Amino acid sequence: MPHLVMEYSNSVDERVNVQGLLEDLHHAAIQSGLFDAPSLKSRSLRYHNWIVGNEGDSADFVHITFELLDGRTPEQKRELSRLLMTVLQAQAGHIASLTVNVRDMDKHSFQKVVN
């Protein structure tokens, strides 16, 4: 049910092991204990076009969006964000912009089908 989406500028590919980073973020999220491990889905999206502030596309970035069903406390979400940022900084600390956003999904409107 939780979704970890790692978005990054294509210049990151040359400087970071993207698959390894995604795997480590996935495992860090599982270690948070906020959800059942089999329900976590992690994926990455590479961007070829981006603009950062006045630097245009010369500043690279990695942004993590983590969505999970509502019901966690602000402290739990803050700790999850901190865990993910720790992994990001350890493996991609040389990237210009690292960001993490943990946000709630509405239980009443979320739907899931598993075959």
PDB file of N, CA and C in Angstrom:
ATOM      1  N   MET A   1       0.811  -1.185   0.000  1.00  0.00           N
ATOM      2  CA  MET A   1       0.000   0.000   0.000  1.00  0.00           C
ATOM      3  C   MET A   1       0.859   1.255   0.000  1.00  0.00           C
ATOM      4  N   PRO A   2       1.921   1.323   0.831  1.00  0.00           N
ATOM      5  CA  PRO A   2       2.773   2.514   0.745  1.00  0.00           C
ATOM      6  C   PRO A   2       3.515   2.538  -0.595  1.00  0.00           C
ATOM      7  N   HIS A   3       3.778   3.745  -1.056  1.00  0.00           N
ATOM      8  CA  HIS A   3       4.490   3.936  -2.318  1.00  0.00           C
ATOM      9  C   HIS A   3       5.672   4.864  -2.092  1.00  0.00           C
ATOM     10  N   LEU A   4       6.848   4.402  -2.471  1.00  0.00           N
ATOM     11  CA  LEU A   4       8.045   5.212  -2.454  1.00  0.00           C
ATOM     12  C   LEU A   4       8.397   5.502  -3.908  1.00  0.00           C
ATOM     13  N   VAL A   5       8.425   6.781  -4.257  1.00  0.00           N
ATOM     14  CA  VAL A   5       8.771   7.184  -5.619  1.00  0.00           C
ATOM     15  C   VAL A   5      10.004   8.080  -5.542  1.00  0.00           C
ATOM     16  N   MET A   6      11.069   7.637  -6.183  1.00  0.00           N
ATOM     17  CA  MET A   6      12.302   8.412  -6.238  1.00  0.00           C
ATOM     18  C   MET A   6      12.394   9.066  -7.612  1.00  0.00           C
ATOM     19  N   GLU A   7      12.310  10.381  -7.638  1.00  0.00           N
ATOM     20  CA  GLU A   7      12.455  11.135  -8.881  1.00  0.00           C
ATOM     21  C   GLU A   7      13.863  11.727  -8.896  1.00  0.00           C
ATOM     22  N   TYR A   8      14.485  11.741 -10.071  1.00  0.00           N
ATOM     23  CA  TYR A   8      15.851  12.268 -10.127  1.00  0.00           C
ATOM     24  C   TYR A   8      16.181  12.790 -11.519  1.00  0.00           C
ATOM     25  N   SER A   9      17.094  13.746 -11.555  1.00  0.00           N
ATOM     26  CA  SER A   9      17.571  14.286 -12.825  1.00  0.00           C
ATOM     27  C   SER A   9      18.492  13.273 -13.486  1.00  0.00           C
ATOM     28  N   ASN A  10      18.490  13.237 -14.810  1.00  0.00           N
ATOM     29  CA  ASN A  10      19.268  12.207 -15.500  1.00  0.00           C
ATOM     30  C   ASN A  10      20.761  12.310 -15.221  1.00  0.00           C
ATOM     31  N   SER A  11      21.237  13.464 -14.800  1.00  0.00           N
ATOM     32  CA  SER A  11      22.652  13.616 -14.461  1.00  0.00           C
ATOM     33  C   SER A  11      23.040  12.799 -13.228  1.00  0.00           C
ATOM     34  N   VAL A  12      22.059  12.423 -12.418  1.00  0.00           N
ATOM     35  CA  VAL A  12      22.327  11.625 -11.218  1.00  0.00           C
ATOM     36  C   VAL A  12      22.815  10.231 -11.597  1.00  0.00           C
ATOM     37  N   ASP A  13      22.326   9.700 -12.717  1.00  0.00           N
ATOM     38  CA  ASP A  13      22.738   8.365 -13.181  1.00  0.00           C
ATOM     39  C   ASP A  13      24.249   8.209 -13.257  1.00  0.00           C
ATOM     40  N   GLU A  14      24.937   9.273 -13.614  1.00  0.00           N
ATOM     41  CA  GLU A  14      26.380   9.226 -13.787  1.00  0.00           C
ATOM     42  C   GLU A  14      27.129   9.261 -12.460  1.00  0.00           C
ATOM     43  N   ARG A  15      26.433   9.663 -11.390  1.00  0.00           N
ATOM     44  CA  ARG A  15      27.113   9.929 -10.125  1.00  0.00           C
ATOM     45  C   ARG A  15      26.634   9.083  -8.960  1.00  0.00           C
ATOM     46  N   VAL A  16      25.527   8.333  -9.161  1.00  0.00           N
ATOM     47  CA  VAL A  16      24.924   7.553  -8.076  1.00  0.00           C
ATOM     48  C   VAL A  16      24.472   6.209  -8.636  1.00  0.00           C
ATOM     49  N   ASN A  17      24.605   5.167  -7.846  1.00  0.00           N
ATOM     50  CA  ASN A  17      24.043   3.864  -8.197  1.00  0.00           C
ATOM     51  C   ASN A  17      22.549   3.942  -7.887  1.00  0.00           C
ATOM     52  N   VAL A  18      21.756   4.294  -8.882  1.00  0.00           N
ATOM     53  CA  VAL A  18      20.332   4.562  -8.683  1.00  0.00           C
ATOM     54  C   VAL A  18      19.598   3.328  -8.169  1.00  0.00           C
ATOM     55  N   GLN A  19      19.831   2.166  -8.757  1.00  0.00           N
ATOM     56  CA  GLN A  19      19.153   0.950  -8.301  1.00  0.00           C
ATOM     57  C   GLN A  19      19.538   0.622  -6.864  1.00  0.00           C
ATOM     58  N   GLY A  20      20.815   0.749  -6.545  1.00  0.00           N
ATOM     59  CA  GLY A  20      21.265   0.490  -5.181  1.00  0.00           C
ATOM     60  C   GLY A  20      20.649   1.460  -4.184  1.00  0.00           C
ATOM     61  N   LEU A  21      20.556   2.725  -4.561  1.00  0.00           N
ATOM     62  CA  LEU A  21      19.927   3.727  -3.706  1.00  0.00           C
ATOM     63  C   LEU A  21      18.459   3.400  -3.485  1.00  0.00           C
ATOM     64  N   LEU A  22      17.763   3.051  -4.559  1.00  0.00           N
ATOM     65  CA  LEU A  22      16.348   2.696  -4.436  1.00  0.00           C
ATOM     66  C   LEU A  22      16.167   1.503  -3.499  1.00  0.00           C
ATOM     67  N   GLU A  23      17.000   0.503  -3.644  1.00  0.00           N
ATOM     68  CA  GLU A  23      16.913  -0.678  -2.774  1.00  0.00           C
ATOM     69  C   GLU A  23      17.158  -0.310  -1.320  1.00  0.00           C
ATOM     70  N   ASP A  24      18.152   0.533  -1.067  1.00  0.00           N
ATOM     71  CA  ASP A  24      18.452   0.922   0.312  1.00  0.00           C
ATOM     72  C   ASP A  24      17.337   1.782   0.907  1.00  0.00           C
ATOM     73  N   LEU A  25      16.740   2.650   0.112  1.00  0.00           N
ATOM     74  CA  LEU A  25      15.588   3.434   0.580  1.00  0.00           C
ATOM     75  C   LEU A  25      14.420   2.512   0.910  1.00  0.00           C
ATOM     76  N   HIS A  26      14.185   1.536   0.051  1.00  0.00           N
ATOM     77  CA  HIS A  26      13.111   0.558   0.246  1.00  0.00           C
ATOM     78  C   HIS A  26      13.312  -0.177   1.587  1.00  0.00           C
ATOM     79  N   HIS A  27      14.531  -0.643   1.829  1.00  0.00           N
ATOM     80  CA  HIS A  27      14.821  -1.383   3.062  1.00  0.00           C
ATOM     81  C   HIS A  27      14.724  -0.480   4.294  1.00  0.00           C
ATOM     82  N   ALA A  28      15.170   0.765   4.171  1.00  0.00           N
ATOM     83  CA  ALA A  28      15.061   1.697   5.303  1.00  0.00           C
ATOM     84  C   ALA A  28      13.597   1.946   5.648  1.00  0.00           C
ATOM     85  N   ALA A  29      12.753   2.081   4.629  1.00  0.00           N
ATOM     86  CA  ALA A  29      11.331   2.292   4.873  1.00  0.00           C
ATOM     87  C   ALA A  29      10.719   1.087   5.586  1.00  0.00           C
ATOM     88  N   ILE A  30      11.091  -0.106   5.166  1.00  0.00           N
ATOM     89  CA  ILE A  30      10.593  -1.322   5.818  1.00  0.00           C
ATOM     90  C   ILE A  30      11.023  -1.351   7.284  1.00  0.00           C
ATOM     91  N   GLN A  31      12.265  -0.970   7.548  1.00  0.00           N
ATOM     92  CA  GLN A  31      12.779  -0.987   8.915  1.00  0.00           C
ATOM     93  C   GLN A  31      12.063   0.004   9.828  1.00  0.00           C
ATOM     94  N   SER A  32      11.336   0.958   9.251  1.00  0.00           N
ATOM     95  CA  SER A  32      10.589   1.915  10.074  1.00  0.00           C
ATOM     96  C   SER A  32       9.498   1.224  10.881  1.00  0.00           C
ATOM     97  N   GLY A  33       9.009   0.080  10.386  1.00  0.00           N
ATOM     98  CA  GLY A  33       7.974  -0.659  11.081  1.00  0.00           C
ATOM     99  C   GLY A  33       6.589  -0.047  11.000  1.00  0.00           C
ATOM    100  N   LEU A  34       6.375   0.894  10.087  1.00  0.00           N
ATOM    101  CA  LEU A  34       5.092   1.595   9.992  1.00  0.00           C
ATOM    102  C   LEU A  34       4.063   0.882   9.127  1.00  0.00           C
ATOM    103  N   PHE A  35       4.438  -0.228   8.494  1.00  0.00           N
ATOM    104  CA  PHE A  35       3.541  -0.940   7.582  1.00  0.00           C
ATOM    105  C   PHE A  35       4.095  -2.328   7.344  1.00  0.00           C
ATOM    106  N   ASP A  36       3.297  -3.176   6.706  1.00  0.00           N
ATOM    107  CA  ASP A  36       3.743  -4.528   6.374  1.00  0.00           C
ATOM    108  C   ASP A  36       4.688  -4.469   5.180  1.00  0.00           C
ATOM    109  N   ALA A  37       5.841  -5.088   5.297  1.00  0.00           N
ATOM    110  CA  ALA A  37       6.860  -5.065   4.247  1.00  0.00           C
ATOM    111  C   ALA A  37       6.335  -5.475   2.873  1.00  0.00           C
ATOM    112  N   PRO A  38       5.530  -6.542   2.753  1.00  0.00           N
ATOM    113  CA  PRO A  38       5.081  -6.958   1.409  1.00  0.00           C
ATOM    114  C   PRO A  38       4.223  -5.915   0.685  1.00  0.00           C
ATOM    115  N   SER A  39       3.704  -4.943   1.422  1.00  0.00           N
ATOM    116  CA  SER A  39       2.828  -3.960   0.783  1.00  0.00           C
ATOM    117  C   SER A  39       3.588  -2.774   0.172  1.00  0.00           C
ATOM    118  N   LEU A  40       4.862  -2.611   0.482  1.00  0.00           N
ATOM    119  CA  LEU A  40       5.630  -1.467  -0.015  1.00  0.00           C
ATOM    120  C   LEU A  40       6.005  -1.641  -1.480  1.00  0.00           C
ATOM    121  N   LYS A  41       5.739  -0.608  -2.265  1.00  0.00           N
ATOM    122  CA  LYS A  41       6.126  -0.574  -3.679  1.00  0.00           C
ATOM    123  C   LYS A  41       7.062   0.610  -3.879  1.00  0.00           C
ATOM    124  N   SER A  42       8.242   0.353  -4.413  1.00  0.00           N
ATOM    125  CA  SER A  42       9.222   1.409  -4.651  1.00  0.00           C
ATOM    126  C   SER A  42       9.589   1.441  -6.122  1.00  0.00           C
ATOM    127  N   ARG A  43       9.766   2.642  -6.635  1.00  0.00           N
ATOM    128  CA  ARG A  43      10.121   2.803  -8.041  1.00  0.00           C
ATOM    129  C   ARG A  43      10.841   4.127  -8.233  1.00  0.00           C
ATOM    130  N   SER A  44      11.501   4.255  -9.370  1.00  0.00           N
ATOM    131  CA  SER A  44      12.210   5.499  -9.663  1.00  0.00           C
ATOM    132  C   SER A  44      11.764   6.047 -11.014  1.00  0.00           C
ATOM    133  N   LEU A  45      11.835   7.357 -11.102  1.00  0.00           N
ATOM    134  CA  LEU A  45      11.500   8.069 -12.337  1.00  0.00           C
ATOM    135  C   LEU A  45      12.656   8.993 -12.689  1.00  0.00           C
ATOM    136  N   ARG A  46      13.220   8.797 -13.857  1.00  0.00           N
ATOM    137  CA  ARG A  46      14.337   9.618 -14.339  1.00  0.00           C
ATOM    138  C   ARG A  46      13.786  10.738 -15.214  1.00  0.00           C
ATOM    139  N   TYR A  47      14.229  11.965 -14.944  1.00  0.00           N
ATOM    140  CA  TYR A  47      13.768  13.118 -15.709  1.00  0.00           C
ATOM    141  C   TYR A  47      14.870  13.622 -16.632  1.00  0.00           C
ATOM    142  N   HIS A  48      14.487  13.875 -17.860  1.00  0.00           N
ATOM    143  CA  HIS A  48      15.424  14.413 -18.834  1.00  0.00           C
ATOM    144  C   HIS A  48      15.325  15.931 -18.925  1.00  0.00           C
ATOM    145  N   ASN A  49      14.243  16.486 -18.461  1.00  0.00           N
ATOM    146  CA  ASN A  49      14.021  17.927 -18.503  1.00  0.00           C
ATOM    147  C   ASN A  49      13.617  18.411 -17.119  1.00  0.00           C
ATOM    148  N   TRP A  50      14.320  19.421 -16.611  1.00  0.00           N
ATOM    149  CA  TRP A  50      14.020  19.985 -15.301  1.00  0.00           C
ATOM    150  C   TRP A  50      14.643  21.362 -15.199  1.00  0.00           C
ATOM    151  N   ILE A  51      14.162  22.122 -14.234  1.00  0.00           N
ATOM    152  CA  ILE A  51      14.708  23.448 -13.942  1.00  0.00           C
ATOM    153  C   ILE A  51      14.743  23.577 -12.428  1.00  0.00           C
ATOM    154  N   VAL A  52      15.869  24.005 -11.884  1.00  0.00           N
ATOM    155  CA  VAL A  52      16.003  24.244 -10.458  1.00  0.00           C
ATOM    156  C   VAL A  52      16.392  25.705 -10.262  1.00  0.00           C
ATOM    157  N   GLY A  53      15.494  26.475  -9.666  1.00  0.00           N
ATOM    158  CA  GLY A  53      15.778  27.881  -9.375  1.00  0.00           C
ATOM    159  C   GLY A  53      16.327  28.623 -10.572  1.00  0.00           C
ATOM    160  N   ASN A  54      17.389  29.373 -10.355  1.00  0.00           N
ATOM    161  CA  ASN A  54      18.040  30.119 -11.430  1.00  0.00           C
ATOM    162  C   ASN A  54      19.136  29.312 -12.111  1.00  0.00           C
ATOM    163  N   GLU A  55      19.351  28.088 -11.636  1.00  0.00           N
ATOM    164  CA  GLU A  55      20.432  27.261 -12.177  1.00  0.00           C
ATOM    165  C   GLU A  55      20.002  26.408 -13.363  1.00  0.00           C
ATOM    166  N   GLY A  56      18.731  26.457 -13.713  1.00  0.00           N
ATOM    167  CA  GLY A  56      18.251  25.674 -14.846  1.00  0.00           C
ATOM    168  C   GLY A  56      18.465  24.200 -14.622  1.00  0.00           C
ATOM    169  N   ASP A  57      19.009  23.527 -15.646  1.00  0.00           N
ATOM    170  CA  ASP A  57      19.230  22.086 -15.529  1.00  0.00           C
ATOM    171  C   ASP A  57      20.671  21.748 -15.136  1.00  0.00           C
ATOM    172  N   SER A  58      21.414  22.745 -14.655  1.00  0.00           N
ATOM    173  CA  SER A  58      22.792  22.461 -14.220  1.00  0.00           C
ATOM    174  C   SER A  58      22.839  21.956 -12.774  1.00  0.00           C
ATOM    175  N   ALA A  59      21.754  22.098 -12.029  1.00  0.00           N
ATOM    176  CA  ALA A  59      21.681  21.590 -10.659  1.00  0.00           C
ATOM    177  C   ALA A  59      20.905  20.279 -10.672  1.00  0.00           C
ATOM    178  N   ASP A  60      21.547  19.215 -10.219  1.00  0.00           N
ATOM    179  CA  ASP A  60      20.862  17.921 -10.201  1.00  0.00           C
ATOM    180  C   ASP A  60      20.062  17.756  -8.917  1.00  0.00           C
ATOM    181  N   PHE A  61      19.161  16.773  -8.908  1.00  0.00           N
ATOM    182  CA  PHE A  61      18.288  16.588  -7.750  1.00  0.00           C
ATOM    183  C   PHE A  61      17.869  15.135  -7.597  1.00  0.00           C
ATOM    184  N   VAL A  62      17.498  14.794  -6.367  1.00  0.00           N
ATOM    185  CA  VAL A  62      16.792  13.554  -6.050  1.00  0.00           C
ATOM    186  C   VAL A  62      15.665  13.955  -5.105  1.00  0.00           C
ATOM    187  N   HIS A  63      14.454  13.573  -5.443  1.00  0.00           N
ATOM    188  CA  HIS A  63      13.300  13.868  -4.598  1.00  0.00           C
ATOM    189  C   HIS A  63      12.549  12.572  -4.310  1.00  0.00           C
ATOM    190  N   ILE A  64      12.281  12.332  -3.038  1.00  0.00           N
ATOM    191  CA  ILE A  64      11.530  11.149  -2.608  1.00  0.00           C
ATOM    192  C   ILE A  64      10.136  11.585  -2.192  1.00  0.00           C
ATOM    193  N   THR A  65       9.134  10.959  -2.791  1.00  0.00           N
ATOM    194  CA  THR A  65       7.762  11.098  -2.322  1.00  0.00           C
ATOM    195  C   THR A  65       7.381   9.760  -1.723  1.00  0.00           C
ATOM    196  N   PHE A  66       6.907   9.794  -0.482  1.00  0.00           N
ATOM    197  CA  PHE A  66       6.495   8.567   0.196  1.00  0.00           C
ATOM    198  C   PHE A  66       5.051   8.743   0.618  1.00  0.00           C
ATOM    199  N   GLU A  67       4.169   7.952   0.028  1.00  0.00           N
ATOM    200  CA  GLU A  67       2.747   8.022   0.348  1.00  0.00           C
ATOM    201  C   GLU A  67       2.342   6.790   1.134  1.00  0.00           C
ATOM    202  N   LEU A  68       1.619   6.994   2.230  1.00  0.00           N
ATOM    203  CA  LEU A  68       1.102   5.892   3.016  1.00  0.00           C
ATOM    204  C   LEU A  68      -0.275   6.258   3.538  1.00  0.00           C
ATOM    205  N   LEU A  69      -1.060   5.241   3.840  1.00  0.00           N
ATOM    206  CA  LEU A  69      -2.407   5.498   4.331  1.00  0.00           C
ATOM    207  C   LEU A  69      -2.358   6.331   5.603  1.00  0.00           C
ATOM    208  N   ASP A  70      -3.311   7.240   5.726  1.00  0.00           N
ATOM    209  CA  ASP A  70      -3.330   8.112   6.893  1.00  0.00           C
ATOM    210  C   ASP A  70      -3.520   7.306   8.170  1.00  0.00           C
ATOM    211  N   GLY A  71      -3.158   7.927   9.279  1.00  0.00           N
ATOM    212  CA  GLY A  71      -3.283   7.263  10.564  1.00  0.00           C
ATOM    213  C   GLY A  71      -1.990   7.241  11.355  1.00  0.00           C
ATOM    214  N   ARG A  72      -0.870   7.606  10.733  1.00  0.00           N
ATOM    215  CA  ARG A  72       0.397   7.670  11.460  1.00  0.00           C
ATOM    216  C   ARG A  72       0.515   9.035  12.132  1.00  0.00           C
ATOM    217  N   THR A  73       1.243   9.076  13.215  1.00  0.00           N
ATOM    218  CA  THR A  73       1.433  10.336  13.930  1.00  0.00           C
ATOM    219  C   THR A  73       2.444  11.210  13.181  1.00  0.00           C
ATOM    220  N   PRO A  74       2.421  12.513  13.441  1.00  0.00           N
ATOM    221  CA  PRO A  74       3.446  13.377  12.843  1.00  0.00           C
ATOM    222  C   PRO A  74       4.861  12.927  13.203  1.00  0.00           C
ATOM    223  N   GLU A  75       5.052  12.443  14.404  1.00  0.00           N
ATOM    224  CA  GLU A  75       6.376  11.974  14.823  1.00  0.00           C
ATOM    225  C   GLU A  75       6.818  10.754  14.017  1.00  0.00           C
ATOM    226  N   GLN A  76       5.899   9.824  13.761  1.00  0.00           N
ATOM    227  CA  GLN A  76       6.228   8.641  12.965  1.00  0.00           C
ATOM    228  C   GLN A  76       6.612   9.042  11.537  1.00  0.00           C
ATOM    229  N   LYS A  77       5.866   9.974  10.964  1.00  0.00           N
ATOM    230  CA  LYS A  77       6.172  10.419   9.593  1.00  0.00           C
ATOM    231  C   LYS A  77       7.483  11.204   9.560  1.00  0.00           C
ATOM    232  N   ARG A  78       7.742  11.982  10.581  1.00  0.00           N
ATOM    233  CA  ARG A  78       8.997  12.730  10.655  1.00  0.00           C
ATOM    234  C   ARG A  78      10.179  11.767  10.757  1.00  0.00           C
ATOM    235  N   GLU A  79      10.032  10.697  11.542  1.00  0.00           N
ATOM    236  CA  GLU A  79      11.097   9.708  11.683  1.00  0.00           C
ATOM    237  C   GLU A  79      11.327   8.964  10.367  1.00  0.00           C
ATOM    238  N   LEU A  80      10.260   8.621   9.661  1.00  0.00           N
ATOM    239  CA  LEU A  80      10.395   7.986   8.351  1.00  0.00           C
ATOM    240  C   LEU A  80      11.143   8.909   7.394  1.00  0.00           C
ATOM    241  N   SER A  81      10.777  10.171   7.384  1.00  0.00           N
ATOM    242  CA  SER A  81      11.453  11.152   6.534  1.00  0.00           C
ATOM    243  C   SER A  81      12.942  11.235   6.887  1.00  0.00           C
ATOM    244  N   ARG A  82      13.245  11.234   8.172  1.00  0.00           N
ATOM    245  CA  ARG A  82      14.636  11.301   8.619  1.00  0.00           C
ATOM    246  C   ARG A  82      15.420  10.066   8.181  1.00  0.00           C
ATOM    247  N   LEU A  83      14.803   8.879   8.308  1.00  0.00           N
ATOM    248  CA  LEU A  83      15.462   7.640   7.871  1.00  0.00           C
ATOM    249  C   LEU A  83      15.794   7.686   6.382  1.00  0.00           C
ATOM    250  N   LEU A  84      14.833   8.125   5.588  1.00  0.00           N
ATOM    251  CA  LEU A  84      15.045   8.198   4.139  1.00  0.00           C
ATOM    252  C   LEU A  84      16.117   9.220   3.786  1.00  0.00           C
ATOM    253  N   MET A  85      16.102  10.371   4.467  1.00  0.00           N
ATOM    254  CA  MET A  85      17.110  11.400   4.192  1.00  0.00           C
ATOM    255  C   MET A  85      18.503  10.929   4.586  1.00  0.00           C
ATOM    256  N   THR A  86      18.602  10.150   5.640  1.00  0.00           N
ATOM    257  CA  THR A  86      19.905   9.613   6.048  1.00  0.00           C
ATOM    258  C   THR A  86      20.504   8.752   4.946  1.00  0.00           C
ATOM    259  N   VAL A  87      19.682   7.908   4.340  1.00  0.00           N
ATOM    260  CA  VAL A  87      20.146   7.071   3.228  1.00  0.00           C
ATOM    261  C   VAL A  87      20.531   7.953   2.041  1.00  0.00           C
ATOM    262  N   LEU A  88      19.686   8.925   1.724  1.00  0.00           N
ATOM    263  CA  LEU A  88      19.983   9.836   0.609  1.00  0.00           C
ATOM    264  C   LEU A  88      21.317  10.545   0.810  1.00  0.00           C
ATOM    265  N   GLN A  89      21.528  11.090   1.985  1.00  0.00           N
ATOM    266  CA  GLN A  89      22.760  11.833   2.238  1.00  0.00           C
ATOM    267  C   GLN A  89      23.989  10.926   2.188  1.00  0.00           C
ATOM    268  N   ALA A  90      23.844   9.695   2.657  1.00  0.00           N
ATOM    269  CA  ALA A  90      24.981   8.781   2.652  1.00  0.00           C
ATOM    270  C   ALA A  90      25.404   8.407   1.235  1.00  0.00           C
ATOM    271  N   GLN A  91      24.439   8.265   0.329  1.00  0.00           N
ATOM    272  CA  GLN A  91      24.761   7.783  -1.015  1.00  0.00           C
ATOM    273  C   GLN A  91      24.747   8.861  -2.087  1.00  0.00           C
ATOM    274  N   ALA A  92      24.070   9.978  -1.810  1.00  0.00           N
ATOM    275  CA  ALA A  92      23.942  11.015  -2.832  1.00  0.00           C
ATOM    276  C   ALA A  92      24.189  12.402  -2.247  1.00  0.00           C
ATOM    277  N   GLY A  93      25.000  12.479  -1.202  1.00  0.00           N
ATOM    278  CA  GLY A  93      25.263  13.756  -0.541  1.00  0.00           C
ATOM    279  C   GLY A  93      25.903  14.794  -1.444  1.00  0.00           C
ATOM    280  N   HIS A  94      26.486  14.372  -2.535  1.00  0.00           N
ATOM    281  CA  HIS A  94      27.130  15.276  -3.483  1.00  0.00           C
ATOM    282  C   HIS A  94      26.146  15.841  -4.521  1.00  0.00           C
ATOM    283  N   ILE A  95      24.902  15.405  -4.489  1.00  0.00           N
ATOM    284  CA  ILE A  95      23.872  15.915  -5.403  1.00  0.00           C
ATOM    285  C   ILE A  95      23.374  17.250  -4.865  1.00  0.00           C
ATOM    286  N   ALA A  96      23.112  18.212  -5.744  1.00  0.00           N
ATOM    287  CA  ALA A  96      22.778  19.580  -5.338  1.00  0.00           C
ATOM    288  C   ALA A  96      21.540  19.675  -4.458  1.00  0.00           C
ATOM    289  N   SER A  97      20.492  18.921  -4.781  1.00  0.00           N
ATOM    290  CA  SER A  97      19.233  19.051  -4.044  1.00  0.00           C
ATOM    291  C   SER A  97      18.694  17.670  -3.676  1.00  0.00           C
ATOM    292  N   LEU A  98      18.533  17.443  -2.377  1.00  0.00           N
ATOM    293  CA  LEU A  98      17.952  16.201  -1.865  1.00  0.00           C
ATOM    294  C   LEU A  98      16.722  16.577  -1.048  1.00  0.00           C
ATOM    295  N   THR A  99      15.570  15.997  -1.384  1.00  0.00           N
ATOM    296  CA  THR A  99      14.348  16.316  -0.663  1.00  0.00           C
ATOM    297  C   THR A  99      13.522  15.055  -0.431  1.00  0.00           C
ATOM    298  N   VAL A 100      12.745  15.076   0.668  1.00  0.00           N
ATOM    299  CA  VAL A 100      11.849  13.979   1.022  1.00  0.00           C
ATOM    300  C   VAL A 100      10.519  14.585   1.429  1.00  0.00           C
ATOM    301  N   ASN A 101       9.433  14.017   0.918  1.00  0.00           N
ATOM    302  CA  ASN A 101       8.087  14.440   1.300  1.00  0.00           C
ATOM    303  C   ASN A 101       7.268  13.206   1.638  1.00  0.00           C
ATOM    304  N   VAL A 102       6.864  13.089   2.887  1.00  0.00           N
ATOM    305  CA  VAL A 102       6.007  11.996   3.332  1.00  0.00           C
ATOM    306  C   VAL A 102       4.590  12.554   3.417  1.00  0.00           C
ATOM    307  N   ARG A 103       3.664  11.886   2.741  1.00  0.00           N
ATOM    308  CA  ARG A 103       2.293  12.394   2.762  1.00  0.00           C
ATOM    309  C   ARG A 103       1.281  11.272   2.882  1.00  0.00           C
ATOM    310  N   ASP A 104       0.131  11.644   3.431  1.00  0.00           N
ATOM    311  CA  ASP A 104      -0.948  10.696   3.679  1.00  0.00           C
ATOM    312  C   ASP A 104      -1.802  10.473   2.441  1.00  0.00           C
ATOM    313  N   MET A 105      -2.261   9.222   2.317  1.00  0.00           N
ATOM    314  CA  MET A 105      -3.283   8.870   1.326  1.00  0.00           C
ATOM    315  C   MET A 105      -4.583   8.706   2.107  1.00  0.00           C
ATOM    316  N   ASP A 106      -5.661   9.175   1.557  1.00  0.00           N
ATOM    317  CA  ASP A 106      -6.961   9.106   2.206  1.00  0.00           C
ATOM    318  C   ASP A 106      -7.503   7.684   2.160  1.00  0.00           C
ATOM    319  N   LYS A 107      -7.725   7.080   3.330  1.00  0.00           N
ATOM    320  CA  LYS A 107      -8.232   5.708   3.404  1.00  0.00           C
ATOM    321  C   LYS A 107      -9.587   5.549   2.714  1.00  0.00           C
ATOM    322  N   HIS A 108     -10.386   6.594   2.740  1.00  0.00           N
ATOM    323  CA  HIS A 108     -11.738   6.501   2.194  1.00  0.00           C
ATOM    324  C   HIS A 108     -11.778   6.510   0.674  1.00  0.00           C
ATOM    325  N   SER A 109     -10.761   7.070   0.045  1.00  0.00           N
ATOM    326  CA  SER A 109     -10.775   7.138  -1.422  1.00  0.00           C
ATOM    327  C   SER A 109      -9.752   6.214  -2.072  1.00  0.00           C
ATOM    328  N   PHE A 110      -8.852   5.633  -1.291  1.00  0.00           N
ATOM    329  CA  PHE A 110      -7.844   4.735  -1.846  1.00  0.00           C
ATOM    330  C   PHE A 110      -8.503   3.395  -2.181  1.00  0.00           C
ATOM    331  N   GLN A 111      -8.168   2.867  -3.339  1.00  0.00           N
ATOM    332  CA  GLN A 111      -8.673   1.555  -3.747  1.00  0.00           C
ATOM    333  C   GLN A 111      -7.501   0.695  -4.189  1.00  0.00           C
ATOM    334  N   LYS A 112      -7.630  -0.610  -3.969  1.00  0.00           N
ATOM    335  CA  LYS A 112      -6.574  -1.531  -4.331  1.00  0.00           C
ATOM    336  C   LYS A 112      -7.188  -2.847  -4.764  1.00  0.00           C
ATOM    337  N   VAL A 113      -6.642  -3.413  -5.843  1.00  0.00           N
ATOM    338  CA  VAL A 113      -7.037  -4.735  -6.314  1.00  0.00           C
ATOM    339  C   VAL A 113      -5.779  -5.568  -6.434  1.00  0.00           C
ATOM    340  N   VAL A 114      -5.774  -6.720  -5.829  1.00  0.00           N
ATOM    341  CA  VAL A 114      -4.632  -7.632  -5.916  1.00  0.00           C
ATOM    342  C   VAL A 114      -5.140  -8.929  -6.537  1.00  0.00           C
ATOM    343  N   ASN A 115      -4.531  -9.338  -7.611  1.00  0.00           N
ATOM    344  CA  ASN A 115      -4.906 -10.592  -8.276  1.00  0.00           C
ATOM    345  C   ASN A 115      -3.944 -11.692  -7.941  1.00  0.00           C
TER     346      ASN A 115
END
